[in-house]
Structure formats: structure tokens, C-alpha cells
Amino acid sequence: MSKFVSSSIGRWDGIDEFVQSVATGSFTAAAEKLGVSKSYVSKQVGKLEDRLNARLLQRSTRQLALTDVGEVFYQECLTLSRRFENLESVISEMQNSPKGILKVAINCRFGVQYMAGAIASFARLHPEMSITVHSSFRDVDLIAEGYDLTIRYGELEDSSLVARKLGGYTMSLYASPAYWDEYGMPLNIEDLQHYNSLCTPDRVWHFSAQRDVNKLRVAGNWISEDGAALKAAAMAGIGIVQLPDFFVVNEVASGELIRLPRPWNFYWRTAWAVYSGNQHLSAKIRFFIDFLCKSMVGEAWLDNKNLFHKF
């Protein structure tokens, strides 16, 4: 007997729920991202499997796992989704205006304070767009997690992605007046080994010397991914911290933090807009990057040369 699919059931029904379940690792996380209930996601995926007459996911109490058939179906769904998004971008670009949904990932160590404000300014200029901003301490998987672009800093790892230079900012060493009074100020980079360093988990500080970058492995009793937590520790007089200059403007003005007055106390950190090189550069992404390049010009963000970089 032939099987007929009811006309009330769309061919795409259940696919968004399936893709998000795989991408996030659970029905619960997928439901949160889609703004629906867990039971709805589970039911839609189940109906999709019934319609295909195939098991796509192995379910357990802790996680979801793709079957062999599910893996093939998932990869094809991603391809179709990207093609549809590209088609939407082409149509939008024909109208020469950014439209649709823009998904941006930023680093929340220091990026939220400045970058989120710039994104909000862009949203105000383009109210017809819907913008999702995700902040995280980690670098997201741009393609697998479905982001249009991400903002990254410093040296870029090799990949198939494309990056456009937005500009950058300077970082310097700071400590409280009480800390400098008690321990004195280091004369050179090597002296920093004798001070308590407030640092990120990689325990590395960078210093710019002409075109070279010196890396120094440091040690200390305060480690955090969060720039605000590092700043708070420095203000408490625990040790020395390396922070973006724009991040501590108020604290320096109030005298709560003092910049180490040494010519070598300087690091230039480049900011990049990173996106997939395998997709049509949509109007929404192009307009957004152009806007960021212009907005980065200022006292904190300098050297805006709009360079492209394949990495």
C-alpha cells in the first residue's frame, strides 16, 4: 500500500527541531533556543522520524546521539538550510538593504562593554532586522552552531573561515595604588615574574615591540575568564592585571587603578569579524561589518584599515 503524506504536514516540519537538537545536544536546549517546550521538540522529531520511516537519533537519559542515517540526514539539512539562507540573502541584496535575522557571537571577557553597544547602534539604524547576540568566554563553532559571524581578537587559528579586520585596542598593566606602594613597580618585563599576576586561564600576557609580540607566562593566585573579575581583584590590591585601556577609564580617572608607566607596557590586540568563506556574503553581513569598521574609529579602537584575511 502506498503511503501518502497529509497536505497539512509540510516537508520541513520537524527539521528545525531536529537540527537544533543535534546542535545543542538535547531536546531541552533545543527547546530553549527555539522558544518552545521540550515536549513539542521531542514530538516534532518523532513525527519526522515516522514520516521518514527511519531512526535519526539514539536517545538516552543524558544525551542524544546521531544514528548513521541521522548523520547523513543532518549534514544534508545543514546544506539545505545554508542554501536557503543564501537565497534569502540574494533576494535581500537585490533590494540593497539588510533584512532578516543576524546571529552574532561575541566574547564576553571584554567584548560586551564596547561591542554590544556598537551592535545595538546598528540595530537602531536597521529596525527591520532581528539580531541575536550570543556572548561566551569560548570561541563558538561558527558553522555548526549557526552563527552568521563572530568577533574574535588577537592571533587567528588556521581554518577555512574568512576574517575582516575591524581595528583593535591597546592593553596595559594596572594595579592599585596600595599594591604599587607595597611592592614597587617592575623595571622590565622579566621583573614581572616576581609579582602576583591576575590572569586568564592561559596564564599568558602579551607585549608589543614594534612588529613583534612578546609572550610572557605569568603566575598568580587569581585566575578568571571574566574581565570584570580581574579588574575587581586589581582594585582590591591583590596584584597586577593586564586589561584593555578602554575597560578601566573610570577606575584610572578615580585613582583606583594606576597604569604602569613603562614604555614596554603596551599590547595592541586586533579585532576581527569572522565569517564563513563558503557562503554568499549577504547584505546583512556586509552592512554590519562595514558599520563596525566605521564605528571602531575612536580613542579606544584605532588602525581601522578594513583588511581581509583568509585563515
Protein backbone atom coordinates (compact mmCIF):
# COMPACT_ATOMS: atom_id res chain seq x y z
CA MET A 1 0.00 0.00 0.00
CA SER A 2 1.30 3.43 -0.93
CA LYS A 3 1.88 5.95 1.82
CA PHE A 4 0.60 9.48 1.38
CA VAL A 5 1.71 12.44 3.48
CA SER A 6 -1.14 14.67 4.60
CA SER A 7 -1.18 18.04 2.87
CA SER A 8 -1.32 19.66 6.31
CA ILE A 9 2.21 18.39 7.02
CA GLY A 10 5.00 20.46 5.50
CA ARG A 11 8.14 18.79 4.25
CA TRP A 12 10.23 20.95 6.60
CA ASP A 13 8.15 20.14 9.68
CA GLY A 14 10.39 18.80 12.44
CA ILE A 15 13.65 19.61 10.68
CA ASP A 16 14.40 22.80 12.61
CA GLU A 17 13.73 20.94 15.83
CA PHE A 18 15.92 18.03 14.72
CA VAL A 19 18.83 20.28 13.66
CA GLN A 20 18.72 22.31 16.87
CA SER A 21 18.54 19.15 18.99
CA VAL A 22 21.70 17.84 17.35
CA ALA A 23 23.48 21.21 17.50
CA THR A 24 22.68 21.78 21.18
CA GLY A 25 22.88 18.16 22.31
CA SER A 26 19.45 17.85 23.89
CA PHE A 27 15.73 18.44 23.41
CA THR A 28 15.76 20.77 26.41
CA ALA A 29 18.47 23.06 25.00
CA ALA A 30 16.85 22.99 21.55
CA ALA A 31 13.50 23.99 23.08
CA GLU A 32 15.11 26.93 24.88
CA LYS A 33 16.76 28.13 21.69
CA LEU A 34 13.57 27.79 19.64
CA GLY A 35 11.35 29.24 22.35
CA VAL A 36 9.07 26.23 22.61
CA SER A 37 8.54 23.39 25.06
CA LYS A 38 10.74 20.29 25.33
CA SER A 39 7.75 18.03 24.67
CA TYR A 40 6.98 19.90 21.45
CA VAL A 41 10.54 19.45 20.16
CA SER A 42 10.55 15.75 21.06
CA LYS A 43 7.18 15.23 19.41
CA GLN A 44 8.21 17.03 16.21
CA VAL A 45 11.40 14.99 15.89
CA GLY A 46 9.41 11.82 16.48
CA LYS A 47 6.92 12.75 13.75
CA LEU A 48 9.83 13.48 11.41
CA GLU A 49 11.27 10.02 12.04
CA ASP A 50 7.86 8.45 11.44
CA ARG A 51 7.49 10.35 8.20
CA LEU A 52 10.91 9.23 7.01
CA ASN A 53 10.45 5.75 8.44
CA ALA A 54 13.93 5.96 9.90
CA ARG A 55 15.53 6.37 13.32
CA LEU A 56 17.61 9.57 13.28
CA LEU A 57 18.56 9.85 16.95
CA GLN A 58 19.51 7.44 19.68
CA ARG A 59 18.02 8.74 22.93
CA SER A 60 19.30 8.25 26.45
CA THR A 61 18.62 10.00 29.73
CA ARG A 62 21.82 12.04 29.38
CA GLN A 63 22.34 12.75 25.71
CA LEU A 64 21.29 12.38 22.10
CA ALA A 65 23.40 10.60 19.51
CA LEU A 66 23.02 10.52 15.74
CA THR A 67 22.47 7.20 14.03
CA ASP A 68 24.32 6.58 10.74
CA VAL A 69 21.20 7.57 8.83
CA GLY A 70 20.75 10.55 11.13
CA GLU A 71 24.28 11.80 10.45
CA VAL A 72 23.70 11.79 6.69
CA PHE A 73 20.31 13.47 7.09
CA TYR A 74 21.74 16.09 9.48
CA GLN A 75 24.54 17.10 7.12
CA GLU A 76 22.10 17.40 4.22
CA CYS A 77 19.75 19.51 6.35
CA LEU A 78 22.63 21.88 7.17
CA THR A 79 23.44 22.19 3.47
CA LEU A 80 19.82 22.91 2.55
CA SER A 81 19.49 25.41 5.39
CA ARG A 82 22.59 27.30 4.26
CA ARG A 83 21.35 27.32 0.66
CA PHE A 84 18.01 28.73 1.74
CA GLU A 85 19.71 31.39 3.86
CA ASN A 86 21.92 32.30 0.90
CA LEU A 87 18.82 32.57 -1.29
CA GLU A 88 17.25 34.91 1.25
CA SER A 89 20.46 36.94 1.26
CA VAL A 90 20.50 37.22 -2.52
CA ILE A 91 16.91 38.46 -2.55
CA SER A 92 17.67 40.90 0.26
CA GLU A 93 20.75 42.15 -1.53
CA MET A 94 18.73 42.75 -4.68
CA GLN A 95 16.78 45.24 -2.60
CA ASN A 96 20.12 46.68 -1.38
CA SER A 97 19.13 46.69 2.25
CA PRO A 98 19.91 44.34 5.14
CA LYS A 99 16.96 42.26 6.26
CA GLY A 100 16.27 39.04 8.11
CA ILE A 101 17.93 37.51 11.16
CA LEU A 102 21.54 38.27 12.05
CA LYS A 103 23.20 35.94 14.56
CA VAL A 104 26.37 37.33 16.13
CA ALA A 105 28.70 35.77 18.71
CA ILE A 106 30.96 37.96 20.83
CA ASN A 107 33.49 37.24 23.54
CA CYS A 108 32.20 38.34 26.92
CA ARG A 109 35.59 38.70 28.64
CA PHE A 110 35.91 42.33 27.48
CA GLY A 111 33.75 42.44 24.34
CA VAL A 112 30.33 43.07 25.86
CA GLN A 113 31.10 46.53 27.24
CA TYR A 114 32.01 48.03 23.87
CA MET A 115 30.95 45.62 21.14
CA ALA A 116 27.37 45.10 22.34
CA GLY A 117 26.88 48.86 22.25
CA ALA A 118 28.08 49.02 18.66
CA ILE A 119 25.74 46.19 17.67
CA ALA A 120 22.84 47.95 19.37
CA SER A 121 23.61 51.11 17.37
CA PHE A 122 23.44 49.07 14.17
CA ALA A 123 20.10 47.57 15.25
CA ARG A 124 18.71 51.05 15.79
CA LEU A 125 19.61 52.02 12.23
CA HIS A 126 18.02 48.85 10.81
CA PRO A 127 14.81 48.13 12.79
CA GLU A 128 13.65 45.72 10.07
CA MET A 129 16.36 43.28 11.16
CA SER A 130 16.19 40.81 14.04
CA ILE A 131 19.55 40.49 15.80
CA THR A 132 20.61 37.71 18.15
CA VAL A 133 23.74 38.39 20.21
CA HIS A 134 25.40 35.48 22.00
CA SER A 135 28.20 36.17 24.48
CA SER A 136 30.54 33.47 25.69
CA PHE A 137 34.05 33.03 27.06
CA ARG A 138 34.77 30.45 24.36
CA ASP A 139 35.08 30.77 20.58
CA VAL A 140 31.90 29.33 19.09
CA ASP A 141 31.81 26.88 16.18
CA LEU A 142 30.54 29.36 13.63
CA ILE A 143 29.05 26.90 11.14
CA ALA A 144 27.88 24.09 13.42
CA GLU A 145 26.16 26.49 15.81
CA GLY A 146 24.53 28.52 13.05
CA TYR A 147 26.07 31.98 13.56
CA ASP A 148 26.46 34.48 10.72
CA LEU A 149 29.67 35.85 12.14
CA THR A 150 31.69 36.16 15.30
CA ILE A 151 34.04 38.76 16.71
CA ARG A 152 37.47 37.41 17.61
CA TYR A 153 40.64 39.02 18.90
CA GLY A 154 44.39 38.61 18.59
CA GLU A 155 46.04 35.87 16.56
CA LEU A 156 43.71 33.74 14.45
CA GLU A 157 43.97 29.99 14.15
CA ASP A 158 44.11 28.33 10.75
CA SER A 159 40.71 27.39 9.34
CA SER A 160 38.52 27.75 6.26
CA LEU A 161 36.92 30.92 7.65
CA VAL A 162 37.46 34.47 6.43
CA ALA A 163 38.23 37.43 8.66
CA ARG A 164 37.95 41.16 8.12
CA LYS A 165 39.99 43.48 10.29
CA LEU A 166 37.85 45.88 12.30
CA GLY A 167 40.58 47.65 14.23
CA GLY A 168 41.75 46.91 17.72
CA TYR A 169 42.55 48.22 21.15
CA THR A 170 45.51 48.65 23.49
CA MET A 171 46.08 46.65 26.67
CA SER A 172 48.26 47.69 29.59
CA LEU A 173 49.29 46.60 33.07
CA TYR A 174 47.45 48.12 36.04
CA ALA A 175 47.44 47.79 39.80
CA SER A 176 46.00 49.64 42.77
CA PRO A 177 47.96 52.49 44.40
CA ALA A 178 48.30 50.36 47.55
CA TYR A 179 49.87 47.48 45.59
CA TRP A 180 52.42 49.72 43.86
CA ASP A 181 53.27 51.34 47.20
CA GLU A 182 53.85 48.00 48.91
CA TYR A 183 55.71 46.11 46.17
CA GLY A 184 57.10 48.81 43.92
CA MET A 185 56.94 48.88 40.12
CA PRO A 186 58.75 46.42 37.82
CA LEU A 187 61.52 47.92 35.69
CA ASN A 188 61.28 45.43 32.81
CA ILE A 189 59.15 42.55 31.53
CA GLU A 190 61.33 39.96 33.25
CA ASP A 191 60.67 41.59 36.63
CA LEU A 192 57.01 40.65 36.35
CA GLN A 193 57.93 37.09 37.36
CA HIS A 194 58.36 38.39 40.93
CA TYR A 195 54.85 39.90 41.15
CA ASN A 196 51.43 38.39 41.71
CA SER A 197 49.71 38.28 38.31
CA LEU A 198 45.94 38.37 37.96
CA CYS A 199 45.37 36.49 34.74
CA THR A 200 43.15 34.43 32.46
CA PRO A 201 43.43 30.60 32.45
CA ASP A 202 46.08 30.57 29.71
CA ARG A 203 48.38 32.50 32.11
CA VAL A 204 49.96 34.44 29.24
CA TRP A 205 50.49 38.20 28.82
CA HIS A 206 51.43 39.79 25.53
CA PHE A 207 53.55 42.86 24.83
CA SER A 208 54.03 44.62 21.51
CA ALA A 209 57.57 45.52 20.45
CA GLN A 210 57.48 47.17 17.04
CA ARG A 211 56.06 44.40 14.80
CA ASP A 212 56.87 41.54 17.14
CA VAL A 213 54.78 40.30 20.04
CA ASN A 214 56.47 39.11 23.21
CA LYS A 215 54.67 36.46 25.22
CA LEU A 216 55.26 36.09 28.93
CA ARG A 217 53.98 33.19 31.02
CA VAL A 218 52.89 34.55 34.38
CA ALA A 219 51.76 33.12 37.72
CA GLY A 220 49.42 34.32 40.41
CA ASN A 221 46.70 33.38 42.87
CA TRP A 222 43.74 34.90 40.96
CA ILE A 223 42.57 33.38 37.68
CA SER A 224 39.39 34.30 35.83
CA GLU A 225 37.92 34.42 32.34
CA ASP A 226 35.90 37.47 33.33
CA GLY A 227 37.46 40.89 32.77
CA ALA A 228 35.27 42.41 35.48
CA ALA A 229 36.52 39.85 38.00
CA LEU A 230 40.14 40.56 37.06
CA LYS A 231 39.57 44.30 37.43
CA ALA A 232 37.89 43.84 40.82
CA ALA A 233 40.86 41.82 42.08
CA ALA A 234 43.30 44.51 40.93
CA MET A 235 41.25 47.21 42.64
CA ALA A 236 41.35 45.14 45.83
CA GLY A 237 45.15 45.30 45.77
CA ILE A 238 45.78 41.61 45.12
CA GLY A 239 48.18 42.02 42.21
CA ILE A 240 48.89 43.29 38.69
CA VAL A 241 46.43 42.84 35.83
CA GLN A 242 46.59 43.31 32.05
CA LEU A 243 43.39 44.90 30.77
CA PRO A 244 42.17 46.91 27.79
CA ASP A 245 42.72 50.63 28.39
CA PHE A 246 39.11 51.42 27.47
CA PHE A 247 37.96 48.92 30.11
CA VAL A 248 39.44 50.86 33.04
CA VAL A 249 38.96 54.51 32.02
CA ASN A 250 36.72 55.29 35.01
CA GLU A 251 38.92 53.47 37.52
CA VAL A 252 42.04 55.30 36.30
CA ALA A 253 40.22 58.65 36.43
CA SER A 254 39.12 57.98 40.03
CA GLY A 255 42.61 56.87 41.06
CA GLU A 256 41.53 53.33 41.97
CA LEU A 257 43.93 51.87 39.39
CA ILE A 258 47.28 53.19 38.15
CA ARG A 259 48.83 52.24 34.83
CA LEU A 260 52.42 51.01 35.00
CA PRO A 261 54.43 53.88 33.42
CA ARG A 262 56.86 51.88 31.32
CA PRO A 263 57.43 52.17 27.53
CA TRP A 264 57.18 48.39 27.11
CA ASN A 265 53.79 48.28 28.88
CA PHE A 266 51.74 48.08 25.72
CA TYR A 267 49.96 45.43 23.68
CA TRP A 268 47.95 46.02 20.52
CA ARG A 269 45.09 43.49 20.20
CA THR A 270 43.46 43.25 16.80
CA ALA A 271 39.71 42.73 16.45
CA TRP A 272 38.33 40.64 13.57
CA ALA A 273 34.90 39.98 12.13
CA VAL A 274 34.98 36.28 11.20
CA TYR A 275 32.53 34.58 8.85
CA SER A 276 32.28 31.51 6.64
CA GLY A 277 34.05 31.64 3.30
CA ASN A 278 31.66 29.03 1.90
CA GLN A 279 28.62 31.26 1.70
CA HIS A 280 27.43 34.25 -0.27
CA LEU A 281 28.34 37.40 1.67
CA SER A 282 24.84 38.62 2.35
CA ALA A 283 23.81 42.24 2.53
CA LYS A 284 23.10 41.92 6.24
CA ILE A 285 26.65 40.69 6.98
CA ARG A 286 28.30 43.18 4.62
CA PHE A 287 26.33 46.14 6.02
CA PHE A 288 27.04 45.02 9.57
CA ILE A 289 30.79 44.64 9.07
CA ASP A 290 31.01 47.99 7.26
CA PHE A 291 29.18 49.61 10.16
CA LEU A 292 31.55 48.06 12.72
CA CYS A 293 34.59 49.20 10.75
CA LYS A 294 33.34 52.78 10.87
CA SER A 295 32.26 52.66 14.49
CA MET A 296 35.58 51.24 15.67
CA VAL A 297 37.38 54.50 14.81
CA GLY A 298 37.96 56.43 18.03
CA GLU A 299 40.19 56.75 21.04
CA ALA A 300 39.83 53.12 22.10
CA TRP A 301 39.64 51.46 18.69
CA LEU A 302 42.28 52.53 16.18
CA ASP A 303 44.09 51.49 12.99
CA ASN A 304 40.96 50.68 11.01
CA LYS A 305 42.31 49.53 7.62
CA ASN A 306 39.49 47.20 6.57
CA LEU A 307 41.84 44.36 5.70
CA PHE A 308 40.67 40.89 4.72
CA HIS A 309 42.38 37.78 5.95
CA LYS A 310 41.90 34.13 4.98
CA PHE A 311 42.81 31.79 7.82
